[in-house]
C-alpha atoms as a PDB file:
ATOM      1  CA  MET A   1      72.417 -19.353  56.486  1.00  0.00           C
ATOM      2  CA  ASP A   2      71.422 -15.823  57.508  1.00  0.00           C
ATOM      3  CA  ALA A   3      70.769 -17.102  61.029  1.00  0.00           C
ATOM      4  CA  PHE A   4      74.227 -18.687  61.091  1.00  0.00           C
ATOM      5  CA  LYS A   5      75.892 -15.418  59.979  1.00  0.00           C
ATOM      6  CA  GLY A   6      73.946 -13.575  62.608  1.00  0.00           C
ATOM      7  CA  PHE A   7      75.206 -15.990  65.247  1.00  0.00           C
ATOM      8  CA  GLN A   8      78.771 -15.480  64.017  1.00  0.00           C
ATOM      9  CA  LYS A   9      78.377 -11.703  64.333  1.00  0.00           C
ATOM     10  CA  SER A  10      77.028 -12.063  67.822  1.00  0.00           C
ATOM     11  CA  LEU A  11      80.057 -14.138  68.813  1.00  0.00           C
ATOM     12  CA  THR A  12      82.361 -11.528  67.323  1.00  0.00           C
ATOM     13  CA  SER A  13      80.527  -8.788  69.172  1.00  0.00           C
ATOM     14  CA  LEU A  14      80.700 -10.822  72.357  1.00  0.00           C
ATOM     15  CA  GLY A  15      84.432 -11.213  71.926  1.00  0.00           C
ATOM     16  CA  GLY A  16      84.829  -7.452  72.055  1.00  0.00           C
ATOM     17  CA  GLN A  17      82.801  -7.135  75.252  1.00  0.00           C
ATOM     18  CA  ILE A  18      84.134  -9.941  77.432  1.00  0.00           C
ATOM     19  CA  THR A  19      86.906  -9.347  79.934  1.00  0.00           C
ATOM     20  CA  PRO A  20      90.575  -9.853  78.964  1.00  0.00           C
ATOM     21  CA  PHE A  21      90.738 -12.954  81.167  1.00  0.00           C
ATOM     22  CA  ALA A  22      87.710 -14.488  79.525  1.00  0.00           C
ATOM     23  CA  SER A  23      89.060 -13.539  76.114  1.00  0.00           C
ATOM     24  CA  ARG A  24      92.366 -15.331  76.835  1.00  0.00           C
ATOM     25  CA  THR A  25      90.510 -18.342  78.184  1.00  0.00           C
ATOM     26  CA  PHE A  26      88.338 -18.348  75.060  1.00  0.00           C
ATOM     27  CA  GLN A  27      91.467 -18.244  72.859  1.00  0.00           C
ATOM     28  CA  TYR A  28      93.185 -20.979  74.881  1.00  0.00           C
ATOM     29  CA  THR A  29      90.129 -23.228  74.560  1.00  0.00           C
ATOM     30  CA  LYS A  30      90.060 -22.708  70.786  1.00  0.00           C
ATOM     31  CA  GLU A  31      93.697 -23.666  70.536  1.00  0.00           C
ATOM     32  CA  GLN A  32      93.185 -26.803  72.582  1.00  0.00           C
ATOM     33  CA  LEU A  33      90.295 -27.795  70.316  1.00  0.00           C
ATOM     34  CA  GLY A  34      92.252 -27.019  67.168  1.00  0.00           C
ATOM     35  CA  GLN A  35      89.870 -24.188  66.267  1.00  0.00           C
ATOM     36  CA  ALA A  36      92.421 -21.338  66.194  1.00  0.00           C
ATOM     37  CA  GLU A  37      93.229 -19.888  62.779  1.00  0.00           C
ATOM     38  CA  ASP A  38      96.687 -18.607  63.710  1.00  0.00           C
ATOM     39  CA  LYS A  39      98.897 -18.913  66.735  1.00  0.00           C
ATOM     40  CA  THR A  40     101.720 -16.469  67.286  1.00  0.00           C
ATOM     41  CA  GLU A  41     104.972 -18.362  67.379  1.00  0.00           C
ATOM     42  CA  LEU A  42     107.621 -17.722  70.009  1.00  0.00           C
ATOM     43  CA  PRO A  43     111.204 -17.077  68.836  1.00  0.00           C
ATOM     44  CA  PRO A  44     113.419 -20.221  68.672  1.00  0.00           C
ATOM     45  CA  ASP A  45     115.933 -18.645  71.067  1.00  0.00           C
ATOM     46  CA  TYR A  46     113.136 -18.059  73.566  1.00  0.00           C
ATOM     47  CA  ILE A  47     112.000 -21.662  73.317  1.00  0.00           C
ATOM     48  CA  ASP A  48     115.585 -22.828  73.823  1.00  0.00           C
ATOM     49  CA  LEU A  49     115.783 -20.724  77.015  1.00  0.00           C
ATOM     50  CA  GLU A  50     112.546 -22.285  78.266  1.00  0.00           C
ATOM     51  CA  LYS A  51     113.946 -25.773  77.733  1.00  0.00           C
ATOM     52  CA  ARG A  52     117.142 -24.925  79.570  1.00  0.00           C
ATOM     53  CA  VAL A  53     115.228 -23.428  82.514  1.00  0.00           C
ATOM     54  CA  ASP A  54     113.031 -26.529  82.651  1.00  0.00           C
ATOM     55  CA  ALA A  55     116.169 -28.697  82.714  1.00  0.00           C
ATOM     56  CA  LEU A  56     117.626 -26.579  85.523  1.00  0.00           C
ATOM     57  CA  LYS A  57     114.383 -26.892  87.505  1.00  0.00           C
ATOM     58  CA  ALA A  58     114.331 -30.675  87.000  1.00  0.00           C
ATOM     59  CA  ALA A  59     117.966 -30.931  88.146  1.00  0.00           C
ATOM     60  CA  HIS A  60     117.204 -28.955  91.320  1.00  0.00           C
ATOM     61  CA  GLN A  61     114.143 -31.005  92.128  1.00  0.00           C
ATOM     62  CA  LYS A  62     115.985 -34.288  91.577  1.00  0.00           C
ATOM     63  CA  MET A  63     118.993 -33.327  93.705  1.00  0.00           C
ATOM     64  CA  LEU A  64     116.913 -31.820  96.486  1.00  0.00           C
ATOM     65  CA  ALA A  65     114.732 -34.919  96.653  1.00  0.00           C
ATOM     66  CA  VAL A  66     117.851 -36.844  97.735  1.00  0.00           C
ATOM     67  CA  THR A  67     120.026 -34.296  99.534  1.00  0.00           C
ATOM     68  CA  SER A  68     117.119 -33.029 101.679  1.00  0.00           C
ATOM     69  CA  GLN A  69     117.905 -36.131 103.800  1.00  0.00           C
ATOM     70  CA  TYR A  70     120.739 -34.087 105.297  1.00  0.00           C
ATOM     71  CA  SER A  71     118.021 -32.276 107.229  1.00  0.00           C
ATOM     72  CA  ASN A  72     116.928 -35.543 108.793  1.00  0.00           C
ATOM     73  CA  GLU A  73     119.310 -36.446 111.629  1.00  0.00           C
ATOM     74  CA  ALA A  74     118.368 -40.123 111.583  1.00  0.00           C
ATOM     75  CA  TYR A  75     118.787 -40.727 107.845  1.00  0.00           C
ATOM     76  CA  ASP A  76     121.319 -43.529 108.504  1.00  0.00           C
ATOM     77  CA  TYR A  77     120.002 -44.693 111.864  1.00  0.00           C
ATOM     78  CA  PRO A  78     119.518 -48.493 111.853  1.00  0.00           C
ATOM     79  CA  PRO A  79     115.776 -49.216 111.751  1.00  0.00           C
ATOM     80  CA  ASN A  80     116.104 -52.590 113.438  1.00  0.00           C
ATOM     81  CA  ILE A  81     117.563 -51.509 116.778  1.00  0.00           C
ATOM     82  CA  LYS A  82     115.652 -50.491 119.857  1.00  0.00           C
ATOM     83  CA  GLU A  83     117.428 -48.051 122.165  1.00  0.00           C
ATOM     84  CA  THR A  84     115.951 -47.014 125.466  1.00  0.00           C
ATOM     85  CA  PHE A  85     115.771 -43.593 127.067  1.00  0.00           C
ATOM     86  CA  GLN A  86     118.701 -44.593 129.268  1.00  0.00           C
ATOM     87  CA  ASP A  87     120.726 -45.652 126.232  1.00  0.00           C
ATOM     88  CA  LEU A  88     120.269 -42.171 124.815  1.00  0.00           C
ATOM     89  CA  GLY A  89     120.641 -40.315 128.087  1.00  0.00           C
ATOM     90  CA  ARG A  90     124.353 -39.535 128.061  1.00  0.00           C
ATOM     91  CA  THR A  91     127.156 -39.337 125.562  1.00  0.00           C
ATOM     92  CA  VAL A  92     129.588 -42.190 125.250  1.00  0.00           C
ATOM     93  CA  SER A  93     132.363 -39.906 126.419  1.00  0.00           C
ATOM     94  CA  GLU A  94     130.415 -39.076 129.596  1.00  0.00           C
ATOM     95  CA  LYS A  95     129.711 -42.741 130.280  1.00  0.00           C
ATOM     96  CA  VAL A  96     133.375 -43.672 129.794  1.00  0.00           C
ATOM     97  CA  ALA A  97     134.379 -40.920 132.233  1.00  0.00           C
ATOM     98  CA  LEU A  98     131.889 -42.229 134.795  1.00  0.00           C
ATOM     99  CA  LEU A  99     133.003 -45.818 134.248  1.00  0.00           C
ATOM    100  CA  SER A 100     136.616 -44.919 134.831  1.00  0.00           C
ATOM    101  CA  ASN A 101     135.724 -43.950 138.402  1.00  0.00           C
ATOM    102  CA  ALA A 102     133.614 -47.056 139.061  1.00  0.00           C
ATOM    103  CA  THR A 103     135.128 -49.465 141.606  1.00  0.00           C
ATOM    104  CA  SER A 104     132.531 -52.246 141.395  1.00  0.00           C
ATOM    105  CA  PRO A 105     130.175 -53.849 138.907  1.00  0.00           C
ATOM    106  CA  ALA A 106     127.276 -52.075 140.597  1.00  0.00           C
ATOM    107  CA  GLU A 107     128.927 -48.690 140.169  1.00  0.00           C
ATOM    108  CA  ALA A 108     129.729 -49.523 136.566  1.00  0.00           C
ATOM    109  CA  GLN A 109     126.095 -50.401 135.917  1.00  0.00           C
ATOM    110  CA  ALA A 110     125.025 -47.180 137.613  1.00  0.00           C
ATOM    111  CA  ALA A 111     127.388 -45.249 135.358  1.00  0.00           C
ATOM    112  CA  LEU A 112     125.821 -46.827 132.273  1.00  0.00           C
ATOM    113  CA  THR A 113     122.308 -45.925 133.422  1.00  0.00           C
ATOM    114  CA  ALA A 114     123.074 -42.482 134.879  1.00  0.00           C
ATOM    115  CA  PRO A 115     120.277 -39.918 134.474  1.00  0.00           C
ATOM    116  CA  PRO A 116     120.516 -37.813 131.324  1.00  0.00           C
ATOM    117  CA  SER A 117     122.510 -34.623 131.583  1.00  0.00           C
ATOM    118  CA  ALA A 118     121.178 -32.933 128.437  1.00  0.00           C
ATOM    119  CA  LYS A 119     118.954 -33.617 125.450  1.00  0.00           C
ATOM    120  CA  PRO A 120     118.764 -37.192 124.123  1.00  0.00           C
ATOM    121  CA  GLN A 121     121.811 -38.299 122.153  1.00  0.00           C
ATOM    122  CA  PRO A 122     121.734 -38.207 118.342  1.00  0.00           C
ATOM    123  CA  LYS A 123     120.187 -41.043 116.419  1.00  0.00           C
ATOM    124  CA  THR A 124     122.820 -41.557 113.758  1.00  0.00           C
ATOM    125  CA  PHE A 125     124.489 -44.742 112.593  1.00  0.00           C
ATOM    126  CA  HIS A 126     127.858 -43.778 114.099  1.00  0.00           C
ATOM    127  CA  HIS A 127     126.346 -42.792 117.452  1.00  0.00           C
ATOM    128  CA  ALA A 128     124.408 -46.055 117.533  1.00  0.00           C
ATOM    129  CA  MET A 129     127.642 -47.931 116.774  1.00  0.00           C
ATOM    130  CA  ALA A 130     129.325 -46.059 119.611  1.00  0.00           C
ATOM    131  CA  ARG A 131     126.593 -46.922 122.101  1.00  0.00           C
ATOM    132  CA  ALA A 132     126.496 -50.577 121.032  1.00  0.00           C
ATOM    133  CA  SER A 133     130.297 -50.825 121.280  1.00  0.00           C
ATOM    134  CA  LEU A 134     130.409 -49.328 124.758  1.00  0.00           C
ATOM    135  CA  ALA A 135     127.592 -51.582 126.004  1.00  0.00           C
ATOM    136  CA  SER A 136     129.378 -54.623 124.517  1.00  0.00           C
ATOM    137  CA  SER A 137     132.636 -53.526 126.113  1.00  0.00           C
ATOM    138  CA  GLN A 138     131.037 -53.345 129.538  1.00  0.00           C
ATOM    139  CA  THR A 139     129.337 -56.751 129.095  1.00  0.00           C
ATOM    140  CA  LEU A 140     132.792 -58.278 128.455  1.00  0.00           C
ATOM    141  CA  HIS A 141     134.445 -56.339 131.286  1.00  0.00           C
ATOM    142  CA  GLN A 142     131.846 -57.506 133.819  1.00  0.00           C
ATOM    143  CA  GLN A 143     132.374 -61.149 132.909  1.00  0.00           C
ATOM    144  CA  HIS A 144     136.163 -60.947 132.654  1.00  0.00           C
ATOM    145  CA  THR A 145     137.845 -62.958 135.427  1.00  0.00           C
ATOM    146  CA  GLY A 146     141.460 -63.088 134.194  1.00  0.00           C
ATOM    147  CA  ALA A 147     144.336 -60.826 135.070  1.00  0.00           C
ATOM    148  CA  GLY A 148     144.363 -57.357 133.527  1.00  0.00           C
ATOM    149  CA  GLU A 149     141.713 -56.154 131.198  1.00  0.00           C
ATOM    150  CA  ASP A 150     139.872 -57.992 128.445  1.00  0.00           C
ATOM    151  CA  PRO A 151     141.642 -56.751 125.269  1.00  0.00           C
ATOM    152  CA  LEU A 152     138.477 -56.977 123.160  1.00  0.00           C
ATOM    153  CA  ALA A 153     136.529 -55.020 125.791  1.00  0.00           C
ATOM    154  CA  THR A 154     139.226 -52.360 125.836  1.00  0.00           C
ATOM    155  CA  ALA A 155     139.262 -52.174 122.038  1.00  0.00           C
ATOM    156  CA  LEU A 156     135.501 -51.862 121.872  1.00  0.00           C
ATOM    157  CA  GLU A 157     135.541 -48.976 124.353  1.00  0.00           C
ATOM    158  CA  LYS A 158     138.138 -47.124 122.292  1.00  0.00           C
ATOM    159  CA  TYR A 159     136.168 -47.870 119.133  1.00  0.00           C
ATOM    160  CA  ALA A 160     133.042 -46.464 120.826  1.00  0.00           C
ATOM    161  CA  LEU A 161     134.798 -43.187 121.580  1.00  0.00           C
ATOM    162  CA  ALA A 162     136.062 -42.992 118.002  1.00  0.00           C
ATOM    163  CA  MET A 163     132.612 -43.685 116.534  1.00  0.00           C
ATOM    164  CA  GLU A 164     131.081 -40.972 118.635  1.00  0.00           C
ATOM    165  CA  ARG A 165     133.625 -38.499 117.245  1.00  0.00           C
ATOM    166  CA  VAL A 166     132.830 -39.631 113.715  1.00  0.00           C
ATOM    167  CA  GLY A 167     129.142 -39.177 114.442  1.00  0.00           C
ATOM    168  CA  GLU A 168     129.741 -35.627 115.643  1.00  0.00           C
ATOM    169  CA  ALA A 169     131.713 -34.949 112.460  1.00  0.00           C
ATOM    170  CA  ARG A 170     128.763 -36.240 110.460  1.00  0.00           C
ATOM    171  CA  LEU A 171     126.396 -33.898 112.237  1.00  0.00           C
ATOM    172  CA  ALA A 172     128.769 -30.993 111.540  1.00  0.00           C
ATOM    173  CA  GLN A 173     128.769 -32.007 107.859  1.00  0.00           C
ATOM    174  CA  ASP A 174     124.977 -32.091 107.817  1.00  0.00           C
ATOM    175  CA  ALA A 175     124.757 -28.588 109.311  1.00  0.00           C
ATOM    176  CA  GLN A 176     127.134 -27.254 106.656  1.00  0.00           C
ATOM    177  CA  VAL A 177     125.200 -28.952 103.862  1.00  0.00           C
ATOM    178  CA  GLN A 178     121.930 -27.491 105.126  1.00  0.00           C
ATOM    179  CA  SER A 179     123.242 -23.919 105.312  1.00  0.00           C
ATOM    180  CA  ARG A 180     125.606 -23.882 102.340  1.00  0.00           C
ATOM    181  CA  PHE A 181     123.934 -26.179  99.801  1.00  0.00           C
ATOM    182  CA  LEU A 182     120.280 -26.921 100.617  1.00  0.00           C
ATOM    183  CA  ALA A 183     119.456 -23.297 101.476  1.00  0.00           C
ATOM    184  CA  GLY A 184     120.969 -22.050  98.221  1.00  0.00           C
ATOM    185  CA  TRP A 185     119.380 -24.656  95.972  1.00  0.00           C
ATOM    186  CA  ASN A 186     115.992 -24.178  97.605  1.00  0.00           C
ATOM    187  CA  THR A 187     116.305 -20.459  97.052  1.00  0.00           C
ATOM    188  CA  THR A 188     117.176 -20.947  93.389  1.00  0.00           C
ATOM    189  CA  LEU A 189     114.220 -23.309  92.917  1.00  0.00           C
ATOM    190  CA  ASN A 190     111.630 -21.398  94.924  1.00  0.00           C
ATOM    191  CA  THR A 191     112.715 -17.862  94.048  1.00  0.00           C
ATOM    192  CA  ASN A 192     114.837 -17.494  90.911  1.00  0.00           C
ATOM    193  CA  ILE A 193     113.279 -20.281  88.874  1.00  0.00           C
ATOM    194  CA  LEU A 194     109.855 -19.277  90.188  1.00  0.00           C
ATOM    195  CA  PHE A 195     110.443 -15.730  88.878  1.00  0.00           C
ATOM    196  CA  ALA A 196     111.294 -17.237  85.473  1.00  0.00           C
ATOM    197  CA  THR A 197     108.115 -19.305  85.576  1.00  0.00           C
ATOM    198  CA  ARG A 198     106.045 -16.216  86.313  1.00  0.00           C
ATOM    199  CA  ALA A 199     107.733 -14.292  83.511  1.00  0.00           C
ATOM    200  CA  ARG A 200     106.958 -17.139  81.095  1.00  0.00           C
ATOM    201  CA  LYS A 201     103.318 -17.121  82.201  1.00  0.00           C
ATOM    202  CA  ALA A 202     103.188 -13.404  81.492  1.00  0.00           C
ATOM    203  CA  VAL A 203     104.464 -14.092  77.964  1.00  0.00           C
ATOM    204  CA  GLU A 204     101.821 -16.757  77.418  1.00  0.00           C
ATOM    205  CA  LYS A 205      99.173 -14.394  78.764  1.00  0.00           C
ATOM    206  CA  ALA A 206     100.312 -11.643  76.358  1.00  0.00           C
ATOM    207  CA  ARG A 207     100.381 -14.100  73.429  1.00  0.00           C
ATOM    208  CA  LEU A 208      96.867 -15.335  74.114  1.00  0.00           C
ATOM    209  CA  THR A 209      95.660 -11.743  74.401  1.00  0.00           C
ATOM    210  CA  LEU A 210      97.307 -10.852  71.102  1.00  0.00           C
ATOM    211  CA  ASP A 211      95.845 -13.831  69.252  1.00  0.00           C
ATOM    212  CA  ALA A 212      92.438 -13.237  70.800  1.00  0.00           C
ATOM    213  CA  VAL A 213      92.478  -9.618  69.605  1.00  0.00           C
ATOM    214  CA  LYS A 214      93.542 -10.666  66.118  1.00  0.00           C
ATOM    215  CA  ALA A 215      90.828 -13.275  65.904  1.00  0.00           C
ATOM    216  CA  ARG A 216      88.175 -10.872  67.144  1.00  0.00           C
ATOM    217  CA  VAL A 217      88.944  -7.888  64.940  1.00  0.00           C
ATOM    218  CA  LYS A 218      89.364 -10.121  61.885  1.00  0.00           C
ATOM    219  CA  GLY A 219      86.071 -11.850  62.508  1.00  0.00           C
ATOM    220  CA  THR A 220      87.450 -15.346  63.203  1.00  0.00           C
ATOM    221  CA  THR A 221      86.345 -15.633  66.780  1.00  0.00           C
ATOM    222  CA  TRP A 222      84.985 -19.208  66.542  1.00  0.00           C
ATOM    223  CA  LYS A 223      84.362 -21.991  64.063  1.00  0.00           C
ATOM    224  CA  LEU A 224      81.235 -24.114  64.135  1.00  0.00           C
ATOM    225  CA  GLY A 225      80.501 -27.304  62.259  1.00  0.00           C
ATOM    226  CA  GLY A 226      77.681 -27.177  59.688  1.00  0.00           C
ATOM    227  CA  ALA A 227      74.667 -29.447  59.689  1.00  0.00           C
ATOM    228  CA  GLY A 228      74.959 -32.981  58.432  1.00  0.00           C
ATOM    229  CA  GLY A 229      78.673 -33.312  59.138  1.00  0.00           C
ATOM    230  CA  ALA A 230      79.712 -30.441  56.881  1.00  0.00           C
ATOM    231  CA  SER A 231      83.189 -29.012  57.331  1.00  0.00           C
ATOM    232  CA  PRO A 232      83.665 -26.313  60.010  1.00  0.00           C
ATOM    233  CA  ARG A 233      82.733 -22.816  58.912  1.00  0.00           C
ATOM    234  CA  ALA A 234      83.459 -19.338  60.105  1.00  0.00           C
ATOM    235  CA  ALA A 235      82.765 -15.811  59.115  1.00  0.00           C
ATOM    236  CA  GLU A 236      85.089 -14.806  56.325  1.00  0.00           C
ATOM    237  CA  PRO A 237      88.111 -13.064  57.834  1.00  0.00           C
ATOM    238  CA  HIS A 238      88.565  -9.476  56.864  1.00  0.00           C
ATOM    239  CA  ASP A 239      91.634  -8.554  54.831  1.00  0.00           C
ATOM    240  CA  GLU A 240      94.211  -6.939  57.066  1.00  0.00           C
ATOM    241  CA  HIS A 241      94.169  -3.811  54.904  1.00  0.00           C
ATOM    242  CA  GLU A 242      90.458  -3.405  55.620  1.00  0.00           C
ATOM    243  CA  LEU A 243      90.923  -3.203  59.364  1.00  0.00           C
ATOM    244  CA  SER A 244      89.868   0.035  60.958  1.00  0.00           C
ATOM    245  CA  PRO A 245      92.477   2.312  62.532  1.00  0.00           C
ATOM    246  CA  GLU A 246      91.077   1.387  65.935  1.00  0.00           C
ATOM    247  CA  ALA A 247      91.493  -2.332  65.231  1.00  0.00           C
ATOM    248  CA  GLN A 248      95.006  -1.801  63.911  1.00  0.00           C
ATOM    249  CA  GLU A 249      95.852   0.174  67.027  1.00  0.00           C
ATOM    250  CA  GLU A 250      94.452  -2.570  69.260  1.00  0.00           C
ATOM    251  CA  ILE A 251      96.534  -5.214  67.524  1.00  0.00           C
ATOM    252  CA  GLU A 252      99.680  -3.113  67.693  1.00  0.00           C
ATOM    253  CA  LYS A 253      99.150  -2.464  71.400  1.00  0.00           C
ATOM    254  CA  ALA A 254      98.785  -6.195  72.032  1.00  0.00           C
ATOM    255  CA  GLU A 255     101.884  -6.892  69.922  1.00  0.00           C
ATOM    256  CA  ASP A 256     103.903  -4.349  71.870  1.00  0.00           C
ATOM    257  CA  GLU A 257     102.845  -5.957  75.154  1.00  0.00           C
ATOM    258  CA  PHE A 258     103.769  -9.380  73.816  1.00  0.00           C
ATOM    259  CA  VAL A 259     107.220  -8.165  72.727  1.00  0.00           C
ATOM    260  CA  THR A 260     107.794  -6.421  76.062  1.00  0.00           C
ATOM    261  CA  GLN A 261     106.843  -9.462  78.111  1.00  0.00           C
ATOM    262  CA  THR A 262     109.000 -11.716  75.898  1.00  0.00           C
ATOM    263  CA  GLU A 263     112.039  -9.480  76.270  1.00  0.00           C
ATOM    264  CA  GLU A 264     111.555  -9.322  80.055  1.00  0.00           C
ATOM    265  CA  ALA A 265     111.216 -13.103  80.273  1.00  0.00           C
ATOM    266  CA  VAL A 266     114.358 -13.583  78.190  1.00  0.00           C
ATOM    267  CA  GLY A 267     116.258 -11.389  80.636  1.00  0.00           C
ATOM    268  CA  VAL A 268     114.920 -13.221  83.669  1.00  0.00           C
ATOM    269  CA  MET A 269     115.650 -16.671  82.207  1.00  0.00           C
ATOM    270  CA  LYS A 270     119.175 -15.696  81.166  1.00  0.00           C
ATOM    271  CA  ASN A 271     119.833 -14.374  84.673  1.00  0.00           C
ATOM    272  CA  VAL A 272     118.662 -17.645  86.202  1.00  0.00           C
ATOM    273  CA  LEU A 273     120.765 -19.722  83.806  1.00  0.00           C
ATOM    274  CA  ASP A 274     123.895 -17.575  84.089  1.00  0.00           C
ATOM    275  CA  THR A 275     124.063 -17.271  87.893  1.00  0.00           C
ATOM    276  CA  PRO A 276     127.019 -19.164  89.394  1.00  0.00           C
ATOM    277  CA  GLU A 277     125.182 -19.734  92.683  1.00  0.00           C
ATOM    278  CA  PRO A 278     124.105 -23.365  92.072  1.00  0.00           C
ATOM    279  CA  LEU A 279     127.639 -24.386  91.135  1.00  0.00           C
ATOM    280  CA  ARG A 280     129.035 -22.513  94.139  1.00  0.00           C
ATOM    281  CA  ASN A 281     126.537 -24.320  96.356  1.00  0.00           C
ATOM    282  CA  LEU A 282     127.547 -27.664  94.870  1.00  0.00           C
ATOM    283  CA  ALA A 283     131.190 -26.889  95.632  1.00  0.00           C
ATOM    284  CA  GLU A 284     130.144 -26.257  99.252  1.00  0.00           C
ATOM    285  CA  LEU A 285     128.404 -29.634  99.339  1.00  0.00           C
ATOM    286  CA  VAL A 286     131.568 -31.357  98.132  1.00  0.00           C
ATOM    287  CA  ALA A 287     133.678 -29.386 100.652  1.00  0.00           C
ATOM    288  CA  ALA A 288     131.411 -30.417 103.542  1.00  0.00           C
ATOM    289  CA  GLN A 289     131.506 -34.080 102.500  1.00  0.00           C
ATOM    290  CA  MET A 290     135.259 -33.956 102.025  1.00  0.00           C
ATOM    291  CA  GLU A 291     135.799 -32.402 105.447  1.00  0.00           C
ATOM    292  CA  PHE A 292     133.663 -35.112 107.069  1.00  0.00           C
ATOM    293  CA  HIS A 293     135.481 -37.981 105.357  1.00  0.00           C
ATOM    294  CA  LYS A 294     138.846 -36.422 106.215  1.00  0.00           C
ATOM    295  CA  LYS A 295     137.896 -36.160 109.873  1.00  0.00           C
ATOM    296  CA  ALA A 296     136.587 -39.718 109.849  1.00  0.00           C
ATOM    297  CA  HIS A 297     139.841 -40.884 108.227  1.00  0.00           C
ATOM    298  CA  ASP A 298     141.933 -39.018 110.806  1.00  0.00           C
ATOM    299  CA  ILE A 299     139.929 -40.456 113.733  1.00  0.00           C
ATOM    300  CA  LEU A 300     140.131 -44.005 112.439  1.00  0.00           C
ATOM    301  CA  SER A 301     143.816 -43.561 111.578  1.00  0.00           C
ATOM    302  CA  GLU A 302     144.440 -42.746 115.244  1.00  0.00           C
ATOM    303  CA  LEU A 303     142.386 -45.737 116.357  1.00  0.00           C
ATOM    304  CA  ALA A 304     143.773 -48.373 113.985  1.00  0.00           C
ATOM    305  CA  PRO A 305     147.274 -48.682 115.490  1.00  0.00           C
ATOM    306  CA  ILE A 306     145.787 -48.856 118.999  1.00  0.00           C
ATOM    307  CA  ILE A 307     143.520 -51.764 117.992  1.00  0.00           C
ATOM    308  CA  ASP A 308     146.431 -53.380 116.156  1.00  0.00           C
ATOM    309  CA  GLY A 309     148.588 -53.032 119.263  1.00  0.00           C
ATOM    310  CA  LEU A 310     145.959 -54.682 121.457  1.00  0.00           C
ATOM    311  CA  GLN A 311     145.707 -57.524 118.929  1.00  0.00           C
ATOM    312  CA  VAL A 312     149.488 -57.999 118.890  1.00  0.00           C
ATOM    313  CA  GLU A 313     149.568 -58.046 122.680  1.00  0.00           C
ATOM    314  CA  GLN A 314     146.783 -60.639 122.800  1.00  0.00           C
ATOM    315  CA  GLU A 315     148.548 -62.781 120.216  1.00  0.00           C
ATOM    316  CA  ALA A 316     151.803 -62.595 122.197  1.00  0.00           C
ATOM    317  CA  SER A 317     150.028 -63.397 125.456  1.00  0.00           C
ATOM    318  CA  ARG A 318     148.326 -66.365 123.810  1.00  0.00           C
ATOM    319  CA  ALA A 319     151.638 -67.620 122.376  1.00  0.00           C
ATOM    320  CA  SER A 320     153.278 -67.348 125.796  1.00  0.00           C
ATOM    321  CA  ALA A 321     150.459 -69.290 127.412  1.00  0.00           C
ATOM    322  CA  TYR A 322     150.831 -72.085 124.877  1.00  0.00           C
ATOM    323  CA  ALA A 323     154.625 -72.116 125.350  1.00  0.00           C
ATOM    324  CA  LEU A 324     154.251 -72.650 129.099  1.00  0.00           C
ATOM    325  CA  HIS A 325     152.192 -75.744 128.370  1.00  0.00           C
END
């Protein structure tokens, strides 16, 4: 028994000599093993703030996991198509302009395969639709032998031009989302919420330091099981009134640091939760999407009556042909 008490005293003495980091680690290990006598409780309001910050962090991570696709130009590009370097060499608008000056099938083919004038064309769904429509239009034009133009070929060419405009509007939307939403939400996650996380770690550090000091000066540094499966034992804790002035001062200093860090963390977390920036960024996301869909609607609204007109003309021409027979 005397040997055991001597070991206890040596642990207590060791607790006063080890570094603050080791002391906190020692205290944390005791808590994880259920060996800590007392653990300083955090205020309920503080815990509520932590939960709200965690929820805000989870919301940012979840949204960014999806909306980060706006930084990937080809997020809607069809995976099953194979476009060549020539396909991507010029814009549809450029090819249509070149085709309008072609006077023979050979010149038309040359216009379709003209050397690139700039960087490769975007790999988006709408741009791919535009290129496929123009290529289909030219295939029909080249095999058309009747009078006038093939109405479907004409419609496909106009559809190609419209789809390219929609694709450009989509790229403009993506640029706005990147600068007005993604940048802001990434800043909130990687800066503001990160500051809150660091402040919370400082609180936990101060709490562990406080509890380690209390345990050491009261002689409850560690609990060891007795021989033969006896219940855990420890040196009898000193009554708080018996603590020396130095020990009292050490505890009060640790308590002051804990209170200071807690108050600072509360301020940081409230600032993160109260900032209107995330909601402002979300409004910008909606505005960018709305602008894109409005442009797409306007472009297709211009195209629809033209396609309808070509269809009506084809139906009338077909009816006239049947009437002659």
